[in-house]
C-alpha atoms as a PDB file:
ATOM      1  CA  MET A   1      34.811  34.600  67.846  1.00  0.00           C
ATOM      2  CA  LYS A   2      36.864  37.726  68.419  1.00  0.00           C
ATOM      3  CA  THR A   3      35.805  41.171  67.203  1.00  0.00           C
ATOM      4  CA  ILE A   4      37.559  42.607  64.162  1.00  0.00           C
ATOM      5  CA  GLY A   5      38.139  46.360  64.056  1.00  0.00           C
ATOM      6  CA  LEU A   6      38.207  47.997  60.625  1.00  0.00           C
ATOM      7  CA  ILE A   7      39.502  51.427  59.616  1.00  0.00           C
ATOM      8  CA  GLY A   8      37.576  52.112  56.420  1.00  0.00           C
ATOM      9  CA  GLY A   9      36.517  54.816  54.015  1.00  0.00           C
ATOM     10  CA  MET A  10      39.663  54.750  51.866  1.00  0.00           C
ATOM     11  CA  SER A  11      37.631  54.390  49.748  1.00  0.00           C
ATOM     12  CA  TRP A  12      34.203  53.230  50.842  1.00  0.00           C
ATOM     13  CA  GLU A  13      33.964  51.393  47.489  1.00  0.00           C
ATOM     14  CA  SER A  14      36.449  48.841  48.762  1.00  0.00           C
ATOM     15  CA  SER A  15      35.547  49.101  52.452  1.00  0.00           C
ATOM     16  CA  LYS A  16      32.088  47.734  51.734  1.00  0.00           C
ATOM     17  CA  LEU A  17      33.776  44.678  50.210  1.00  0.00           C
ATOM     18  CA  TYR A  18      35.628  44.048  53.460  1.00  0.00           C
ATOM     19  CA  TYR A  19      32.277  43.669  55.215  1.00  0.00           C
ATOM     20  CA  GLU A  20      31.133  41.240  52.545  1.00  0.00           C
ATOM     21  CA  PHE A  21      34.380  39.252  52.643  1.00  0.00           C
ATOM     22  CA  LEU A  22      34.338  38.964  56.445  1.00  0.00           C
ATOM     23  CA  ASN A  23      30.769  37.739  56.593  1.00  0.00           C
ATOM     24  CA  THR A  24      31.079  35.392  53.633  1.00  0.00           C
ATOM     25  CA  LYS A  25      34.178  33.772  55.118  1.00  0.00           C
ATOM     26  CA  ALA A  26      32.593  33.469  58.568  1.00  0.00           C
ATOM     27  CA  LYS A  27      29.572  31.733  57.061  1.00  0.00           C
ATOM     28  CA  ASP A  28      31.766  29.454  54.937  1.00  0.00           C
ATOM     29  CA  ILE A  29      33.687  28.305  57.999  1.00  0.00           C
ATOM     30  CA  LEU A  30      30.903  28.156  60.572  1.00  0.00           C
ATOM     31  CA  GLY A  31      27.853  27.540  58.386  1.00  0.00           C
ATOM     32  CA  GLY A  32      24.269  28.268  59.293  1.00  0.00           C
ATOM     33  CA  SER A  33      23.421  31.895  59.946  1.00  0.00           C
ATOM     34  CA  HIS A  34      26.847  32.837  61.335  1.00  0.00           C
ATOM     35  CA  SER A  35      28.368  36.201  60.473  1.00  0.00           C
ATOM     36  CA  ALA A  36      31.436  38.179  61.485  1.00  0.00           C
ATOM     37  CA  LYS A  37      31.773  40.220  64.657  1.00  0.00           C
ATOM     38  CA  CYS A  38      33.225  43.530  63.519  1.00  0.00           C
ATOM     39  CA  ILE A  39      33.338  47.267  64.148  1.00  0.00           C
ATOM     40  CA  MET A  40      34.222  49.918  61.567  1.00  0.00           C
ATOM     41  CA  VAL A  41      35.438  53.479  61.934  1.00  0.00           C
ATOM     42  CA  SER A  42      35.125  55.105  58.518  1.00  0.00           C
ATOM     43  CA  VAL A  43      37.031  58.276  57.691  1.00  0.00           C
ATOM     44  CA  ASP A  44      36.216  60.994  55.159  1.00  0.00           C
ATOM     45  CA  PHE A  45      38.361  60.077  52.168  1.00  0.00           C
ATOM     46  CA  ALA A  46      38.410  63.658  50.883  1.00  0.00           C
ATOM     47  CA  ASP A  47      40.500  64.599  53.929  1.00  0.00           C
ATOM     48  CA  ILE A  48      42.870  61.676  53.372  1.00  0.00           C
ATOM     49  CA  GLU A  49      43.223  62.420  49.662  1.00  0.00           C
ATOM     50  CA  ARG A  50      44.005  66.089  50.299  1.00  0.00           C
ATOM     51  CA  LEU A  51      46.664  65.259  52.877  1.00  0.00           C
ATOM     52  CA  THR A  52      48.121  62.534  50.654  1.00  0.00           C
ATOM     53  CA  PHE A  53      48.752  64.901  47.781  1.00  0.00           C
ATOM     54  CA  LYS A  54      50.170  67.503  50.185  1.00  0.00           C
ATOM     55  CA  GLY A  55      52.551  64.819  51.402  1.00  0.00           C
ATOM     56  CA  ASP A  56      51.391  65.364  54.986  1.00  0.00           C
ATOM     57  CA  TRP A  57      51.738  61.765  56.077  1.00  0.00           C
ATOM     58  CA  ASP A  58      52.075  62.709  59.747  1.00  0.00           C
ATOM     59  CA  ALA A  59      48.592  64.231  59.693  1.00  0.00           C
ATOM     60  CA  ILE A  60      47.237  61.075  58.066  1.00  0.00           C
ATOM     61  CA  GLY A  61      49.011  58.972  60.662  1.00  0.00           C
ATOM     62  CA  LYS A  62      47.393  60.940  63.465  1.00  0.00           C
ATOM     63  CA  LEU A  63      43.963  60.327  61.923  1.00  0.00           C
ATOM     64  CA  MET A  64      44.743  56.595  61.746  1.00  0.00           C
ATOM     65  CA  LYS A  65      45.905  56.609  65.367  1.00  0.00           C
ATOM     66  CA  GLN A  66      42.650  58.271  66.420  1.00  0.00           C
ATOM     67  CA  ALA A  67      40.552  55.770  64.469  1.00  0.00           C
ATOM     68  CA  ALA A  68      42.491  52.818  65.877  1.00  0.00           C
ATOM     69  CA  GLN A  69      42.073  54.033  69.443  1.00  0.00           C
ATOM     70  CA  GLN A  70      38.344  54.461  68.829  1.00  0.00           C
ATOM     71  CA  LEU A  71      38.190  50.830  67.738  1.00  0.00           C
ATOM     72  CA  GLU A  72      40.123  49.652  70.773  1.00  0.00           C
ATOM     73  CA  ARG A  73      37.810  51.576  73.111  1.00  0.00           C
ATOM     74  CA  ALA A  74      34.812  50.083  71.304  1.00  0.00           C
ATOM     75  CA  GLY A  75      36.008  46.558  72.067  1.00  0.00           C
ATOM     76  CA  ALA A  76      37.894  45.438  68.950  1.00  0.00           C
ATOM     77  CA  ASP A  77      40.356  42.582  69.465  1.00  0.00           C
ATOM     78  CA  ILE A  78      42.397  43.261  66.330  1.00  0.00           C
ATOM     79  CA  ILE A  79      42.715  46.109  63.824  1.00  0.00           C
ATOM     80  CA  LEU A  80      42.753  46.045  60.028  1.00  0.00           C
ATOM     81  CA  LEU A  81      43.468  49.103  57.909  1.00  0.00           C
ATOM     82  CA  CYS A  82      41.227  48.623  54.856  1.00  0.00           C
ATOM     83  CA  THR A  83      43.575  50.144  52.296  1.00  0.00           C
ATOM     84  CA  ASN A  84      47.046  49.433  50.948  1.00  0.00           C
ATOM     85  CA  THR A  85      48.565  52.889  50.493  1.00  0.00           C
ATOM     86  CA  ILE A  86      47.851  54.223  53.985  1.00  0.00           C
ATOM     87  CA  HIS A  87      49.887  51.362  55.443  1.00  0.00           C
ATOM     88  CA  LEU A  88      52.727  53.822  54.864  1.00  0.00           C
ATOM     89  CA  VAL A  89      51.747  55.225  58.276  1.00  0.00           C
ATOM     90  CA  SER A  90      50.611  51.964  59.872  1.00  0.00           C
ATOM     91  CA  HIS A  91      53.147  52.436  62.679  1.00  0.00           C
ATOM     92  CA  TYR A  92      50.860  55.171  64.031  1.00  0.00           C
ATOM     93  CA  ILE A  93      48.392  52.351  64.656  1.00  0.00           C
ATOM     94  CA  SER A  94      50.647  49.543  65.846  1.00  0.00           C
ATOM     95  CA  GLU A  95      52.562  51.799  68.247  1.00  0.00           C
ATOM     96  CA  ASN A  96      49.511  53.379  69.850  1.00  0.00           C
ATOM     97  CA  VAL A  97      47.132  50.526  70.654  1.00  0.00           C
ATOM     98  CA  SER A  98      47.532  47.472  72.853  1.00  0.00           C
ATOM     99  CA  ILE A  99      45.665  45.096  70.522  1.00  0.00           C
ATOM    100  CA  PRO A 100      47.205  43.368  67.466  1.00  0.00           C
ATOM    101  CA  PHE A 101      47.436  45.046  64.074  1.00  0.00           C
ATOM    102  CA  MET A 102      47.252  42.835  60.962  1.00  0.00           C
ATOM    103  CA  HIS A 103      49.349  44.222  58.089  1.00  0.00           C
ATOM    104  CA  ILE A 104      47.946  43.752  54.582  1.00  0.00           C
ATOM    105  CA  ALA A 105      51.357  43.151  52.959  1.00  0.00           C
ATOM    106  CA  THR A 106      52.107  40.389  55.462  1.00  0.00           C
ATOM    107  CA  THR A 107      48.905  38.480  54.774  1.00  0.00           C
ATOM    108  CA  THR A 108      49.513  38.890  51.039  1.00  0.00           C
ATOM    109  CA  GLY A 109      53.075  37.631  51.351  1.00  0.00           C
ATOM    110  CA  VAL A 110      51.946  34.551  53.281  1.00  0.00           C
ATOM    111  CA  THR A 111      49.437  33.716  50.550  1.00  0.00           C
ATOM    112  CA  ILE A 112      51.968  34.099  47.728  1.00  0.00           C
ATOM    113  CA  LYS A 113      54.573  32.050  49.586  1.00  0.00           C
ATOM    114  CA  LYS A 114      52.073  29.210  50.047  1.00  0.00           C
ATOM    115  CA  MET A 115      51.631  29.114  46.263  1.00  0.00           C
ATOM    116  CA  GLY A 116      55.366  28.820  45.769  1.00  0.00           C
ATOM    117  CA  LEU A 117      55.733  31.876  43.534  1.00  0.00           C
ATOM    118  CA  LYS A 118      59.021  33.771  43.420  1.00  0.00           C
ATOM    119  CA  LYS A 119      58.491  36.722  41.074  1.00  0.00           C
ATOM    120  CA  VAL A 120      55.301  38.790  41.191  1.00  0.00           C
ATOM    121  CA  ALA A 121      54.092  42.071  39.750  1.00  0.00           C
ATOM    122  CA  LEU A 122      52.744  44.827  41.984  1.00  0.00           C
ATOM    123  CA  LEU A 123      50.137  47.385  40.926  1.00  0.00           C
ATOM    124  CA  GLY A 124      48.767  50.176  43.070  1.00  0.00           C
ATOM    125  CA  THR A 125      49.209  53.870  43.672  1.00  0.00           C
ATOM    126  CA  LYS A 126      52.598  55.406  42.968  1.00  0.00           C
ATOM    127  CA  PHE A 127      53.169  55.420  46.736  1.00  0.00           C
ATOM    128  CA  ILE A 128      52.801  51.622  46.797  1.00  0.00           C
ATOM    129  CA  MET A 129      54.908  51.031  43.696  1.00  0.00           C
ATOM    130  CA  GLU A 130      57.659  53.570  44.338  1.00  0.00           C
ATOM    131  CA  LYS A 131      58.156  53.708  48.118  1.00  0.00           C
ATOM    132  CA  ASP A 132      59.612  50.750  50.016  1.00  0.00           C
ATOM    133  CA  PHE A 133      57.222  50.486  52.975  1.00  0.00           C
ATOM    134  CA  TYR A 134      55.227  47.776  51.164  1.00  0.00           C
ATOM    135  CA  THR A 135      57.763  46.082  48.910  1.00  0.00           C
ATOM    136  CA  LYS A 136      60.342  45.639  51.673  1.00  0.00           C
ATOM    137  CA  THR A 137      57.900  43.421  53.579  1.00  0.00           C
ATOM    138  CA  LEU A 138      57.347  41.267  50.509  1.00  0.00           C
ATOM    139  CA  MET A 139      61.045  41.126  49.648  1.00  0.00           C
ATOM    140  CA  ASN A 140      62.654  40.864  53.083  1.00  0.00           C
ATOM    141  CA  ASP A 141      60.092  38.697  54.865  1.00  0.00           C
ATOM    142  CA  PHE A 142      59.060  36.436  51.979  1.00  0.00           C
ATOM    143  CA  GLY A 143      61.973  36.526  49.550  1.00  0.00           C
ATOM    144  CA  LEU A 144      59.859  37.743  46.651  1.00  0.00           C
ATOM    145  CA  GLU A 145      61.138  39.516  43.565  1.00  0.00           C
ATOM    146  CA  ILE A 146      58.796  42.420  42.847  1.00  0.00           C
ATOM    147  CA  LEU A 147      58.180  43.822  39.362  1.00  0.00           C
ATOM    148  CA  THR A 148      56.485  47.174  38.797  1.00  0.00           C
ATOM    149  CA  PRO A 149      55.634  48.972  35.536  1.00  0.00           C
ATOM    150  CA  ASP A 150      57.866  51.679  34.102  1.00  0.00           C
ATOM    151  CA  ALA A 151      57.327  55.284  35.218  1.00  0.00           C
ATOM    152  CA  ASP A 152      54.774  56.170  32.527  1.00  0.00           C
ATOM    153  CA  LYS A 153      52.680  53.095  33.254  1.00  0.00           C
ATOM    154  CA  ARG A 154      52.907  53.693  36.996  1.00  0.00           C
ATOM    155  CA  GLN A 155      51.390  57.107  36.390  1.00  0.00           C
ATOM    156  CA  VAL A 156      48.594  55.546  34.314  1.00  0.00           C
ATOM    157  CA  VAL A 157      47.698  53.122  37.108  1.00  0.00           C
ATOM    158  CA  HIS A 158      47.910  55.876  39.736  1.00  0.00           C
ATOM    159  CA  ASP A 159      45.638  58.184  37.735  1.00  0.00           C
ATOM    160  CA  ILE A 160      43.057  55.458  37.119  1.00  0.00           C
ATOM    161  CA  ILE A 161      42.907  54.758  40.845  1.00  0.00           C
ATOM    162  CA  TYR A 162      42.549  58.364  42.012  1.00  0.00           C
ATOM    163  CA  ASN A 163      40.548  59.811  39.130  1.00  0.00           C
ATOM    164  CA  GLU A 164      38.176  56.891  38.640  1.00  0.00           C
ATOM    165  CA  LEU A 165      38.202  53.898  40.978  1.00  0.00           C
ATOM    166  CA  VAL A 166      37.978  55.699  44.318  1.00  0.00           C
ATOM    167  CA  LYS A 167      35.079  57.691  42.840  1.00  0.00           C
ATOM    168  CA  GLY A 168      33.201  54.527  41.893  1.00  0.00           C
ATOM    169  CA  GLN A 169      33.981  54.768  38.162  1.00  0.00           C
ATOM    170  CA  PHE A 170      34.967  51.476  36.520  1.00  0.00           C
ATOM    171  CA  THR A 171      35.306  51.738  32.745  1.00  0.00           C
ATOM    172  CA  ASN A 172      36.210  49.154  30.132  1.00  0.00           C
ATOM    173  CA  ALA A 173      38.841  51.498  28.696  1.00  0.00           C
ATOM    174  CA  SER A 174      40.693  51.602  32.019  1.00  0.00           C
ATOM    175  CA  LYS A 175      40.250  47.857  32.452  1.00  0.00           C
ATOM    176  CA  GLN A 176      41.936  47.229  29.109  1.00  0.00           C
ATOM    177  CA  GLN A 177      44.811  49.544  30.021  1.00  0.00           C
ATOM    178  CA  ILE A 178      45.425  47.642  33.255  1.00  0.00           C
ATOM    179  CA  ILE A 179      45.222  44.299  31.440  1.00  0.00           C
ATOM    180  CA  ARG A 180      47.870  45.447  28.938  1.00  0.00           C
ATOM    181  CA  ILE A 181      50.134  46.582  31.769  1.00  0.00           C
ATOM    182  CA  ILE A 182      49.747  43.216  33.527  1.00  0.00           C
ATOM    183  CA  LYS A 183      50.488  41.372  30.263  1.00  0.00           C
ATOM    184  CA  ALA A 184      53.708  43.359  29.808  1.00  0.00           C
ATOM    185  CA  LEU A 185      54.783  42.430  33.352  1.00  0.00           C
ATOM    186  CA  GLU A 186      53.912  38.786  32.663  1.00  0.00           C
ATOM    187  CA  ASP A 187      56.195  38.957  29.611  1.00  0.00           C
ATOM    188  CA  GLN A 188      58.952  40.133  31.983  1.00  0.00           C
ATOM    189  CA  GLY A 189      58.515  36.990  34.069  1.00  0.00           C
ATOM    190  CA  ALA A 190      55.815  37.849  36.590  1.00  0.00           C
ATOM    191  CA  GLN A 191      54.187  34.641  37.867  1.00  0.00           C
ATOM    192  CA  GLY A 192      51.321  36.511  39.496  1.00  0.00           C
ATOM    193  CA  VAL A 193      50.130  40.054  40.135  1.00  0.00           C
ATOM    194  CA  ILE A 194      49.385  41.753  43.448  1.00  0.00           C
ATOM    195  CA  LEU A 195      46.473  44.151  43.133  1.00  0.00           C
ATOM    196  CA  GLY A 196      47.914  46.468  45.750  1.00  0.00           C
ATOM    197  CA  CYS A 197      44.962  48.822  45.681  1.00  0.00           C
ATOM    198  CA  THR A 198      41.772  47.544  47.243  1.00  0.00           C
ATOM    199  CA  GLU A 199      39.666  48.992  44.399  1.00  0.00           C
ATOM    200  CA  LEU A 200      41.594  47.284  41.587  1.00  0.00           C
ATOM    201  CA  PRO A 201      39.872  43.886  42.031  1.00  0.00           C
ATOM    202  CA  ILE A 202      36.552  45.617  41.316  1.00  0.00           C
ATOM    203  CA  LEU A 203      37.997  46.455  37.879  1.00  0.00           C
ATOM    204  CA  ILE A 204      40.083  43.333  37.197  1.00  0.00           C
ATOM    205  CA  SER A 205      39.109  39.721  37.875  1.00  0.00           C
ATOM    206  CA  LYS A 206      41.050  36.466  37.627  1.00  0.00           C
ATOM    207  CA  THR A 207      39.390  35.681  34.299  1.00  0.00           C
ATOM    208  CA  ASP A 208      40.858  38.824  32.716  1.00  0.00           C
ATOM    209  CA  VAL A 209      44.502  37.755  32.886  1.00  0.00           C
ATOM    210  CA  ASP A 210      46.547  34.573  32.479  1.00  0.00           C
ATOM    211  CA  ILE A 211      48.449  34.706  35.765  1.00  0.00           C
ATOM    212  CA  PRO A 212      47.077  34.515  39.319  1.00  0.00           C
ATOM    213  CA  ILE A 213      45.844  37.763  40.840  1.00  0.00           C
ATOM    214  CA  PHE A 214      46.125  38.517  44.528  1.00  0.00           C
ATOM    215  CA  ASP A 215      43.153  40.487  45.832  1.00  0.00           C
ATOM    216  CA  THR A 216      44.800  42.059  48.861  1.00  0.00           C
ATOM    217  CA  GLY A 217      41.561  43.149  50.526  1.00  0.00           C
ATOM    218  CA  LYS A 218      40.007  39.707  50.294  1.00  0.00           C
ATOM    219  CA  ILE A 219      43.192  38.031  51.526  1.00  0.00           C
ATOM    220  CA  HIS A 220      43.365  40.491  54.419  1.00  0.00           C
ATOM    221  CA  ALA A 221      39.752  39.952  55.456  1.00  0.00           C
ATOM    222  CA  TYR A 222      39.892  36.158  55.157  1.00  0.00           C
ATOM    223  CA  ASN A 223      43.011  36.026  57.334  1.00  0.00           C
ATOM    224  CA  ALA A 224      41.294  38.205  59.920  1.00  0.00           C
ATOM    225  CA  ILE A 225      38.329  35.839  60.152  1.00  0.00           C
ATOM    226  CA  GLU A 226      40.603  32.828  60.517  1.00  0.00           C
ATOM    227  CA  TRP A 227      42.490  34.649  63.277  1.00  0.00           C
ATOM    228  CA  SER A 228      39.270  35.649  65.013  1.00  0.00           C
ATOM    229  CA  LEU A 229      38.192  32.021  65.239  1.00  0.00           C
ATOM    230  CA  GLU A 230      41.462  30.747  66.690  1.00  0.00           C
ATOM    231  CA  ASP A 231      42.241  30.589  70.411  1.00  0.00           C
ATOM    232  CA  SER A 232      43.460  33.617  72.317  1.00  0.00           C
ATOM    233  CA  CYS A 233      47.079  32.540  71.901  1.00  0.00           C
ATOM    234  CA  ALA A 234      46.912  32.718  68.110  1.00  0.00           C
ATOM    235  CA  GLU A 235      49.688  34.694  66.473  1.00  0.00           C
ATOM    236  CA  LEU A 236      49.503  36.893  63.400  1.00  0.00           C
ATOM    237  CA  PRO A 237      51.005  35.550  60.152  1.00  0.00           C
ATOM    238  CA  GLU A 238      54.790  35.611  60.072  1.00  0.00           C
END
């Protein structure tokens, strides 16, 4: 088994789930008392949040580069960035380490393609829904049509994430708002919904909506475990 390197803390609410997902999947595959081999570097989310709202993505990228290099020096064989939004600067990781980097949008796209879906909704921060660094992977590499809410609803989702979810607040009122937004996207033809914020699956489960949900953090972690158990020639999902 290879060692999985995790850049966490964005937020720690979802990063703790990565640890659970990795170990649960390792036990499911290997049985017995097996668990995952992993290392985590966890950042202070307050710093990331401040820089995000300043629009200082270069500074965030440099922090990600530093964390990734720490993981490589510590013996990680692969790196996962345990957040969707900060993949905007994932090139600071992939271009500055010699070990593989597993992109969360790629693992999500592989999973959706296997299910044969063509049109899916995407929820996350405004950065995820409005910039193309995430959607272009899903569209160009997997031929998916991506639906996002209108501007007002994008702001609602964004505010719920930053004002509540990353602070560990999960209310029924916000849950119902997200469910209504997903239903509206389903009415527009969405065959599934990507929860493109790693905290959203804590709020919304598959029993809350009528279409499949894609828990990006769980998909990411499960793919990492499968990769870690393959031979040294194994390639990342394409």
